[in-house]
Amino acid sequence: MTAEYFVEVDCRLPNGRFCAKCCYETKMPLTREDVERIRKLGFKLKDFACWRNGVLTLKNVDCHCVFLDVSSGKCKIYEHRPLGCKLYPLVYDVYSGKVLVDPYCPKANEVKRSATRLQYELVKKVAENILCKSSAKVR
């Protein structure tokens, strides 16, 4: 999964800030590739990740993602952000086996249906990869 994938959603608000609603109390799972990419920026695993129910996820500090610049709503590592962040608001529902647009996202209605179809396999593959390998330790 070295190619760049993302869903285009303009998260800017009328006041010029960015929404960042998805960055609060995040439970964003991390792939092995995400961890390697973020480590190359000089961050230690313990500073940006934690284990939740056997899944390695982004760490929260003061109820928001460790990489969120609260004053602007921007991601401090935007160009290197986790794949799940790039694909959001597309999420994989493990119960239905479907890729859905997360209704929690205020910009959910801006996601084109074609994006959901195009990214379906990738979102599903990432979700299954995380679920299958959730117990594998990252050192």
N, C-alpha and C. Protein backbone atom coordinates (compact mmCIF):
# COMPACT_ATOMS: atom_id res chain seq x y z
N MET A 1 0.83 -1.19 0.00
CA MET A 1 0.00 0.00 0.00
C MET A 1 0.87 1.25 0.00
N THR A 2 1.71 1.37 -0.97
CA THR A 2 2.60 2.51 -1.02
C THR A 2 2.01 3.67 -1.82
N ALA A 3 1.01 3.40 -2.65
CA ALA A 3 0.40 4.47 -3.44
C ALA A 3 -0.37 5.40 -2.51
N GLU A 4 -0.57 6.62 -2.95
CA GLU A 4 -1.29 7.59 -2.14
C GLU A 4 -2.78 7.51 -2.42
N TYR A 5 -3.56 7.30 -1.39
CA TYR A 5 -5.01 7.23 -1.49
C TYR A 5 -5.60 8.26 -0.55
N PHE A 6 -6.67 8.88 -0.99
CA PHE A 6 -7.36 9.80 -0.11
C PHE A 6 -8.75 10.07 -0.66
N VAL A 7 -9.61 10.58 0.18
CA VAL A 7 -10.93 11.01 -0.20
C VAL A 7 -10.92 12.52 -0.08
N GLU A 8 -11.32 13.19 -1.15
CA GLU A 8 -11.28 14.65 -1.12
C GLU A 8 -12.52 15.22 -0.44
N VAL A 9 -12.30 15.82 0.70
CA VAL A 9 -13.34 16.52 1.44
C VAL A 9 -12.72 17.83 1.90
N ASP A 10 -13.36 18.93 1.55
CA ASP A 10 -12.84 20.24 1.97
C ASP A 10 -13.31 20.49 3.40
N CYS A 11 -12.39 20.37 4.33
CA CYS A 11 -12.72 20.48 5.75
C CYS A 11 -12.67 21.91 6.27
N ARG A 12 -12.46 22.88 5.38
CA ARG A 12 -12.41 24.27 5.84
C ARG A 12 -13.80 24.77 6.22
N LEU A 13 -13.82 25.55 7.28
CA LEU A 13 -15.06 26.16 7.76
C LEU A 13 -15.12 27.60 7.26
N PRO A 14 -16.28 28.23 7.31
CA PRO A 14 -16.39 29.62 6.85
C PRO A 14 -15.43 30.59 7.55
N ASN A 15 -15.02 30.28 8.79
CA ASN A 15 -14.11 31.18 9.52
C ASN A 15 -12.64 30.94 9.17
N GLY A 16 -12.37 30.03 8.22
CA GLY A 16 -11.00 29.78 7.79
C GLY A 16 -10.31 28.65 8.54
N ARG A 17 -10.85 28.26 9.68
CA ARG A 17 -10.30 27.12 10.42
C ARG A 17 -10.70 25.83 9.72
N PHE A 18 -10.16 24.73 10.20
CA PHE A 18 -10.54 23.43 9.68
C PHE A 18 -11.43 22.74 10.70
N CYS A 19 -12.35 21.94 10.24
CA CYS A 19 -13.34 21.28 11.09
C CYS A 19 -12.69 20.46 12.20
N ALA A 20 -11.92 19.45 11.84
CA ALA A 20 -11.19 18.59 12.78
C ALA A 20 -12.08 17.81 13.75
N LYS A 21 -13.37 17.75 13.50
CA LYS A 21 -14.26 17.01 14.39
C LYS A 21 -13.82 15.55 14.52
N CYS A 22 -13.33 14.99 13.42
CA CYS A 22 -12.89 13.59 13.43
C CYS A 22 -11.60 13.38 14.21
N CYS A 23 -10.94 14.47 14.58
CA CYS A 23 -9.67 14.38 15.31
C CYS A 23 -9.87 14.36 16.82
N TYR A 24 -11.10 14.56 17.26
CA TYR A 24 -11.39 14.54 18.70
C TYR A 24 -11.84 13.15 19.13
N GLU A 25 -11.22 12.68 20.21
CA GLU A 25 -11.49 11.35 20.75
C GLU A 25 -11.40 10.30 19.64
N THR A 26 -10.38 10.45 18.82
CA THR A 26 -10.18 9.53 17.70
C THR A 26 -9.77 8.14 18.17
N LYS A 27 -10.20 7.18 17.42
CA LYS A 27 -9.79 5.79 17.65
C LYS A 27 -9.22 5.25 16.35
N MET A 28 -8.52 6.13 15.62
CA MET A 28 -8.02 5.79 14.29
C MET A 28 -6.98 4.68 14.37
N PRO A 29 -7.26 3.54 13.74
CA PRO A 29 -6.29 2.45 13.74
C PRO A 29 -5.09 2.78 12.85
N LEU A 30 -3.96 2.23 13.21
CA LEU A 30 -2.72 2.46 12.46
C LEU A 30 -2.26 1.18 11.79
N THR A 31 -1.84 1.31 10.54
CA THR A 31 -1.24 0.18 9.85
C THR A 31 0.25 0.18 10.16
N ARG A 32 0.91 -0.90 9.85
CA ARG A 32 2.35 -0.99 10.04
C ARG A 32 3.05 0.10 9.21
N GLU A 33 2.53 0.35 8.00
CA GLU A 33 3.10 1.38 7.14
C GLU A 33 2.94 2.77 7.75
N ASP A 34 1.78 3.02 8.39
CA ASP A 34 1.56 4.30 9.07
C ASP A 34 2.62 4.51 10.14
N VAL A 35 2.82 3.49 10.95
CA VAL A 35 3.79 3.57 12.05
C VAL A 35 5.18 3.86 11.51
N GLU A 36 5.59 3.15 10.48
CA GLU A 36 6.92 3.35 9.90
C GLU A 36 7.07 4.77 9.35
N ARG A 37 6.04 5.26 8.65
CA ARG A 37 6.08 6.60 8.07
C ARG A 37 6.20 7.67 9.16
N ILE A 38 5.44 7.53 10.22
CA ILE A 38 5.46 8.52 11.30
C ILE A 38 6.76 8.44 12.09
N ARG A 39 7.26 7.25 12.29
CA ARG A 39 8.56 7.10 12.98
C ARG A 39 9.68 7.79 12.20
N LYS A 40 9.62 7.73 10.88
CA LYS A 40 10.66 8.36 10.05
C LYS A 40 10.67 9.88 10.24
N LEU A 41 9.58 10.43 10.76
CA LEU A 41 9.52 11.87 11.04
C LEU A 41 10.21 12.21 12.36
N GLY A 42 10.63 11.17 13.09
CA GLY A 42 11.34 11.38 14.35
C GLY A 42 10.52 11.14 15.60
N PHE A 43 9.29 10.67 15.43
CA PHE A 43 8.43 10.40 16.58
C PHE A 43 8.64 8.98 17.09
N LYS A 44 8.58 8.82 18.41
CA LYS A 44 8.65 7.50 19.02
C LYS A 44 7.23 6.94 19.11
N LEU A 45 7.10 5.64 18.95
CA LEU A 45 5.80 4.98 18.97
C LEU A 45 4.98 5.38 20.20
N LYS A 46 5.60 5.39 21.36
CA LYS A 46 4.87 5.70 22.60
C LYS A 46 4.32 7.12 22.62
N ASP A 47 4.87 7.99 21.78
CA ASP A 47 4.43 9.39 21.75
C ASP A 47 3.21 9.62 20.85
N PHE A 48 2.93 8.69 19.93
CA PHE A 48 1.81 8.92 19.02
C PHE A 48 0.81 7.76 18.93
N ALA A 49 1.09 6.65 19.58
CA ALA A 49 0.20 5.49 19.45
C ALA A 49 -0.08 4.83 20.79
N CYS A 50 -1.21 4.14 20.84
CA CYS A 50 -1.55 3.35 22.03
C CYS A 50 -2.40 2.16 21.59
N TRP A 51 -2.43 1.15 22.42
CA TRP A 51 -3.21 -0.05 22.13
C TRP A 51 -4.61 0.10 22.72
N ARG A 52 -5.64 -0.19 21.90
CA ARG A 52 -7.03 -0.20 22.36
C ARG A 52 -7.66 -1.50 21.89
N ASN A 53 -8.06 -2.32 22.81
CA ASN A 53 -8.70 -3.59 22.46
C ASN A 53 -7.90 -4.39 21.45
N GLY A 54 -6.59 -4.39 21.62
CA GLY A 54 -5.73 -5.16 20.74
C GLY A 54 -5.40 -4.51 19.41
N VAL A 55 -5.84 -3.26 19.22
CA VAL A 55 -5.58 -2.55 17.96
C VAL A 55 -4.72 -1.33 18.26
N LEU A 56 -3.67 -1.14 17.49
CA LEU A 56 -2.82 0.04 17.65
C LEU A 56 -3.51 1.24 17.02
N THR A 57 -3.71 2.30 17.81
CA THR A 57 -4.45 3.47 17.33
C THR A 57 -3.67 4.76 17.62
N LEU A 58 -4.10 5.83 16.98
CA LEU A 58 -3.52 7.14 17.27
C LEU A 58 -3.82 7.50 18.72
N LYS A 59 -2.88 8.14 19.34
CA LYS A 59 -3.00 8.56 20.73
C LYS A 59 -3.77 9.88 20.81
N ASN A 60 -4.56 10.02 21.86
CA ASN A 60 -5.25 11.28 22.15
C ASN A 60 -4.55 11.99 23.30
N VAL A 61 -4.46 13.29 23.19
CA VAL A 61 -3.93 14.14 24.25
C VAL A 61 -4.98 15.24 24.45
N ASP A 62 -5.43 15.42 25.67
CA ASP A 62 -6.49 16.40 25.95
C ASP A 62 -7.71 16.16 25.06
N CYS A 63 -8.05 14.91 24.86
CA CYS A 63 -9.24 14.48 24.09
C CYS A 63 -9.14 14.70 22.58
N HIS A 64 -7.96 14.95 22.05
CA HIS A 64 -7.83 15.08 20.60
C HIS A 64 -6.57 14.38 20.13
N CYS A 65 -6.50 14.12 18.84
CA CYS A 65 -5.34 13.46 18.26
C CYS A 65 -4.07 14.22 18.62
N VAL A 66 -3.05 13.47 18.92
CA VAL A 66 -1.76 14.04 19.31
C VAL A 66 -1.19 14.96 18.22
N PHE A 67 -1.59 14.76 16.98
CA PHE A 67 -1.06 15.57 15.87
C PHE A 67 -1.95 16.75 15.48
N LEU A 68 -3.03 16.98 16.19
CA LEU A 68 -3.92 18.10 15.87
C LEU A 68 -3.39 19.41 16.42
N ASP A 69 -3.29 20.41 15.56
CA ASP A 69 -2.99 21.78 15.99
C ASP A 69 -4.35 22.40 16.30
N VAL A 70 -4.68 22.49 17.57
CA VAL A 70 -6.00 22.92 18.00
C VAL A 70 -6.34 24.33 17.53
N SER A 71 -5.37 25.22 17.47
CA SER A 71 -5.66 26.61 17.09
C SER A 71 -6.13 26.74 15.64
N SER A 72 -5.61 25.91 14.75
CA SER A 72 -5.99 26.02 13.34
C SER A 72 -6.91 24.88 12.88
N GLY A 73 -6.92 23.78 13.64
CA GLY A 73 -7.68 22.62 13.22
C GLY A 73 -6.94 21.78 12.19
N LYS A 74 -5.68 22.09 11.95
CA LYS A 74 -4.89 21.37 10.95
C LYS A 74 -4.09 20.24 11.59
N CYS A 75 -3.78 19.26 10.75
CA CYS A 75 -2.95 18.14 11.17
C CYS A 75 -1.48 18.53 11.03
N LYS A 76 -0.71 18.30 12.08
CA LYS A 76 0.72 18.65 12.07
C LYS A 76 1.53 17.75 11.14
N ILE A 77 1.00 16.58 10.81
CA ILE A 77 1.71 15.66 9.91
C ILE A 77 0.85 15.34 8.69
N TYR A 78 0.08 16.30 8.23
CA TYR A 78 -0.92 16.08 7.17
C TYR A 78 -0.39 15.27 5.99
N GLU A 79 0.77 15.61 5.48
CA GLU A 79 1.32 14.90 4.32
C GLU A 79 1.71 13.46 4.65
N HIS A 80 1.84 13.15 5.92
CA HIS A 80 2.27 11.81 6.36
C HIS A 80 1.21 11.14 7.23
N ARG A 81 0.00 11.66 7.24
CA ARG A 81 -1.05 11.15 8.13
C ARG A 81 -1.39 9.69 7.82
N PRO A 82 -1.99 9.01 8.79
CA PRO A 82 -2.36 7.60 8.59
C PRO A 82 -3.33 7.41 7.42
N LEU A 83 -3.27 6.23 6.84
CA LEU A 83 -4.13 5.91 5.71
C LEU A 83 -5.61 6.06 6.07
N GLY A 84 -5.98 5.65 7.27
CA GLY A 84 -7.38 5.80 7.70
C GLY A 84 -7.83 7.25 7.69
N CYS A 85 -6.93 8.17 8.02
CA CYS A 85 -7.26 9.60 7.99
C CYS A 85 -7.43 10.07 6.54
N LYS A 86 -6.61 9.54 5.65
CA LYS A 86 -6.70 9.90 4.23
C LYS A 86 -8.01 9.43 3.63
N LEU A 87 -8.50 8.30 4.10
CA LEU A 87 -9.73 7.73 3.55
C LEU A 87 -11.00 8.24 4.23
N TYR A 88 -10.86 8.83 5.40
CA TYR A 88 -12.01 9.32 6.15
C TYR A 88 -12.71 10.43 5.35
N PRO A 89 -14.02 10.46 5.31
CA PRO A 89 -15.01 9.82 6.17
C PRO A 89 -15.52 8.45 5.71
N LEU A 90 -14.78 7.79 4.82
CA LEU A 90 -15.17 6.42 4.48
C LEU A 90 -14.72 5.49 5.60
N VAL A 91 -15.63 4.67 6.06
CA VAL A 91 -15.34 3.72 7.13
C VAL A 91 -15.91 2.35 6.75
N TYR A 92 -15.32 1.32 7.30
CA TYR A 92 -15.78 -0.04 7.04
C TYR A 92 -16.61 -0.51 8.22
N ASP A 93 -17.84 -0.88 7.95
CA ASP A 93 -18.73 -1.41 8.99
C ASP A 93 -18.55 -2.92 9.05
N VAL A 94 -17.91 -3.40 10.12
CA VAL A 94 -17.62 -4.83 10.23
C VAL A 94 -18.88 -5.68 10.34
N TYR A 95 -19.97 -5.09 10.81
CA TYR A 95 -21.21 -5.85 10.98
C TYR A 95 -21.92 -6.09 9.65
N SER A 96 -21.92 -5.08 8.79
CA SER A 96 -22.61 -5.23 7.50
C SER A 96 -21.66 -5.61 6.37
N GLY A 97 -20.34 -5.41 6.60
CA GLY A 97 -19.37 -5.67 5.54
C GLY A 97 -19.39 -4.61 4.45
N LYS A 98 -19.94 -3.45 4.78
CA LYS A 98 -20.06 -2.37 3.79
C LYS A 98 -19.14 -1.21 4.13
N VAL A 99 -18.75 -0.49 3.09
CA VAL A 99 -18.02 0.76 3.26
C VAL A 99 -19.07 1.86 3.27
N LEU A 100 -19.05 2.66 4.32
CA LEU A 100 -20.05 3.71 4.51
C LEU A 100 -19.38 5.06 4.66
N VAL A 101 -20.15 6.10 4.42
CA VAL A 101 -19.69 7.45 4.72
C VAL A 101 -20.14 7.72 6.15
N ASP A 102 -19.19 8.03 7.03
CA ASP A 102 -19.49 8.24 8.44
C ASP A 102 -20.40 9.45 8.61
N PRO A 103 -21.62 9.25 9.11
CA PRO A 103 -22.54 10.38 9.28
C PRO A 103 -22.08 11.37 10.35
N TYR A 104 -21.10 10.99 11.17
CA TYR A 104 -20.53 11.87 12.19
C TYR A 104 -19.80 13.05 11.55
N CYS A 105 -19.31 12.87 10.33
CA CYS A 105 -18.57 13.91 9.63
C CYS A 105 -19.53 14.98 9.11
N PRO A 106 -19.33 16.25 9.49
CA PRO A 106 -20.20 17.32 9.02
C PRO A 106 -20.17 17.50 7.50
N LYS A 107 -19.14 17.02 6.85
CA LYS A 107 -19.01 17.15 5.39
C LYS A 107 -19.36 15.85 4.67
N ALA A 108 -19.99 14.93 5.37
CA ALA A 108 -20.31 13.61 4.80
C ALA A 108 -21.11 13.71 3.50
N ASN A 109 -22.00 14.69 3.43
CA ASN A 109 -22.83 14.82 2.23
C ASN A 109 -22.03 15.28 1.01
N GLU A 110 -20.78 15.71 1.21
CA GLU A 110 -19.95 16.14 0.09
C GLU A 110 -19.16 14.99 -0.54
N VAL A 111 -19.18 13.83 0.09
CA VAL A 111 -18.44 12.69 -0.45
C VAL A 111 -19.26 12.09 -1.59
N LYS A 112 -18.64 12.01 -2.74
CA LYS A 112 -19.33 11.47 -3.91
C LYS A 112 -19.49 9.97 -3.77
N ARG A 113 -20.61 9.50 -4.22
CA ARG A 113 -20.89 8.06 -4.18
C ARG A 113 -19.83 7.29 -4.95
N SER A 114 -19.31 7.89 -6.00
CA SER A 114 -18.27 7.23 -6.80
C SER A 114 -17.01 6.99 -5.97
N ALA A 115 -16.71 7.90 -5.03
CA ALA A 115 -15.53 7.73 -4.17
C ALA A 115 -15.71 6.50 -3.28
N THR A 116 -16.92 6.30 -2.80
CA THR A 116 -17.20 5.14 -1.97
C THR A 116 -16.96 3.86 -2.75
N ARG A 117 -17.43 3.82 -3.99
CA ARG A 117 -17.24 2.63 -4.83
C ARG A 117 -15.77 2.43 -5.17
N LEU A 118 -15.08 3.52 -5.53
CA LEU A 118 -13.67 3.42 -5.92
C LEU A 118 -12.78 2.95 -4.77
N GLN A 119 -13.05 3.42 -3.58
CA GLN A 119 -12.20 3.12 -2.44
C GLN A 119 -12.67 1.92 -1.63
N TYR A 120 -13.79 1.32 -2.03
CA TYR A 120 -14.36 0.21 -1.26
C TYR A 120 -13.33 -0.88 -0.95
N GLU A 121 -12.67 -1.39 -1.98
CA GLU A 121 -11.73 -2.49 -1.78
C GLU A 121 -10.58 -2.09 -0.87
N LEU A 122 -10.08 -0.86 -1.04
CA LEU A 122 -8.97 -0.40 -0.21
C LEU A 122 -9.40 -0.27 1.25
N VAL A 123 -10.54 0.36 1.49
CA VAL A 123 -11.02 0.53 2.86
C VAL A 123 -11.25 -0.84 3.50
N LYS A 124 -11.85 -1.75 2.76
CA LYS A 124 -12.11 -3.09 3.28
C LYS A 124 -10.79 -3.82 3.57
N LYS A 125 -9.84 -3.71 2.66
CA LYS A 125 -8.54 -4.37 2.84
C LYS A 125 -7.82 -3.83 4.07
N VAL A 126 -7.83 -2.52 4.24
CA VAL A 126 -7.19 -1.90 5.40
C VAL A 126 -7.87 -2.38 6.68
N ALA A 127 -9.19 -2.37 6.70
CA ALA A 127 -9.93 -2.79 7.89
C ALA A 127 -9.63 -4.25 8.23
N GLU A 128 -9.67 -5.10 7.23
CA GLU A 128 -9.40 -6.52 7.47
C GLU A 128 -7.96 -6.74 7.92
N ASN A 129 -7.04 -6.01 7.32
CA ASN A 129 -5.62 -6.10 7.69
C ASN A 129 -5.44 -5.72 9.16
N ILE A 130 -6.08 -4.66 9.57
CA ILE A 130 -5.98 -4.19 10.95
C ILE A 130 -6.63 -5.19 11.89
N LEU A 131 -7.79 -5.70 11.52
CA LEU A 131 -8.49 -6.65 12.39
C LEU A 131 -7.74 -7.97 12.50
N CYS A 132 -7.19 -8.44 11.39
CA CYS A 132 -6.47 -9.73 11.40
C CYS A 132 -5.13 -9.63 12.12
N LYS A 133 -4.49 -8.49 12.02
CA LYS A 133 -3.15 -8.35 12.59
C LYS A 133 -3.14 -7.53 13.87
N SER A 134 -4.33 -7.30 14.43
CA SER A 134 -4.40 -6.42 15.60
C SER A 134 -3.61 -6.93 16.79
N SER A 135 -3.42 -8.22 16.85
CA SER A 135 -2.68 -8.74 17.99
C SER A 135 -1.17 -8.79 17.73
N ALA A 136 -0.76 -8.53 16.49
CA ALA A 136 0.67 -8.53 16.16
C ALA A 136 1.31 -7.30 16.77
N LYS A 137 2.38 -7.49 17.49
CA LYS A 137 3.04 -6.36 18.16
C LYS A 137 3.90 -5.57 17.20
N VAL A 138 3.84 -4.26 17.34
CA VAL A 138 4.72 -3.36 16.59
C VAL A 138 5.79 -2.92 17.57
N ARG A 139 7.04 -3.06 17.20
CA ARG A 139 8.13 -2.70 18.11
C ARG A 139 8.79 -1.42 17.67
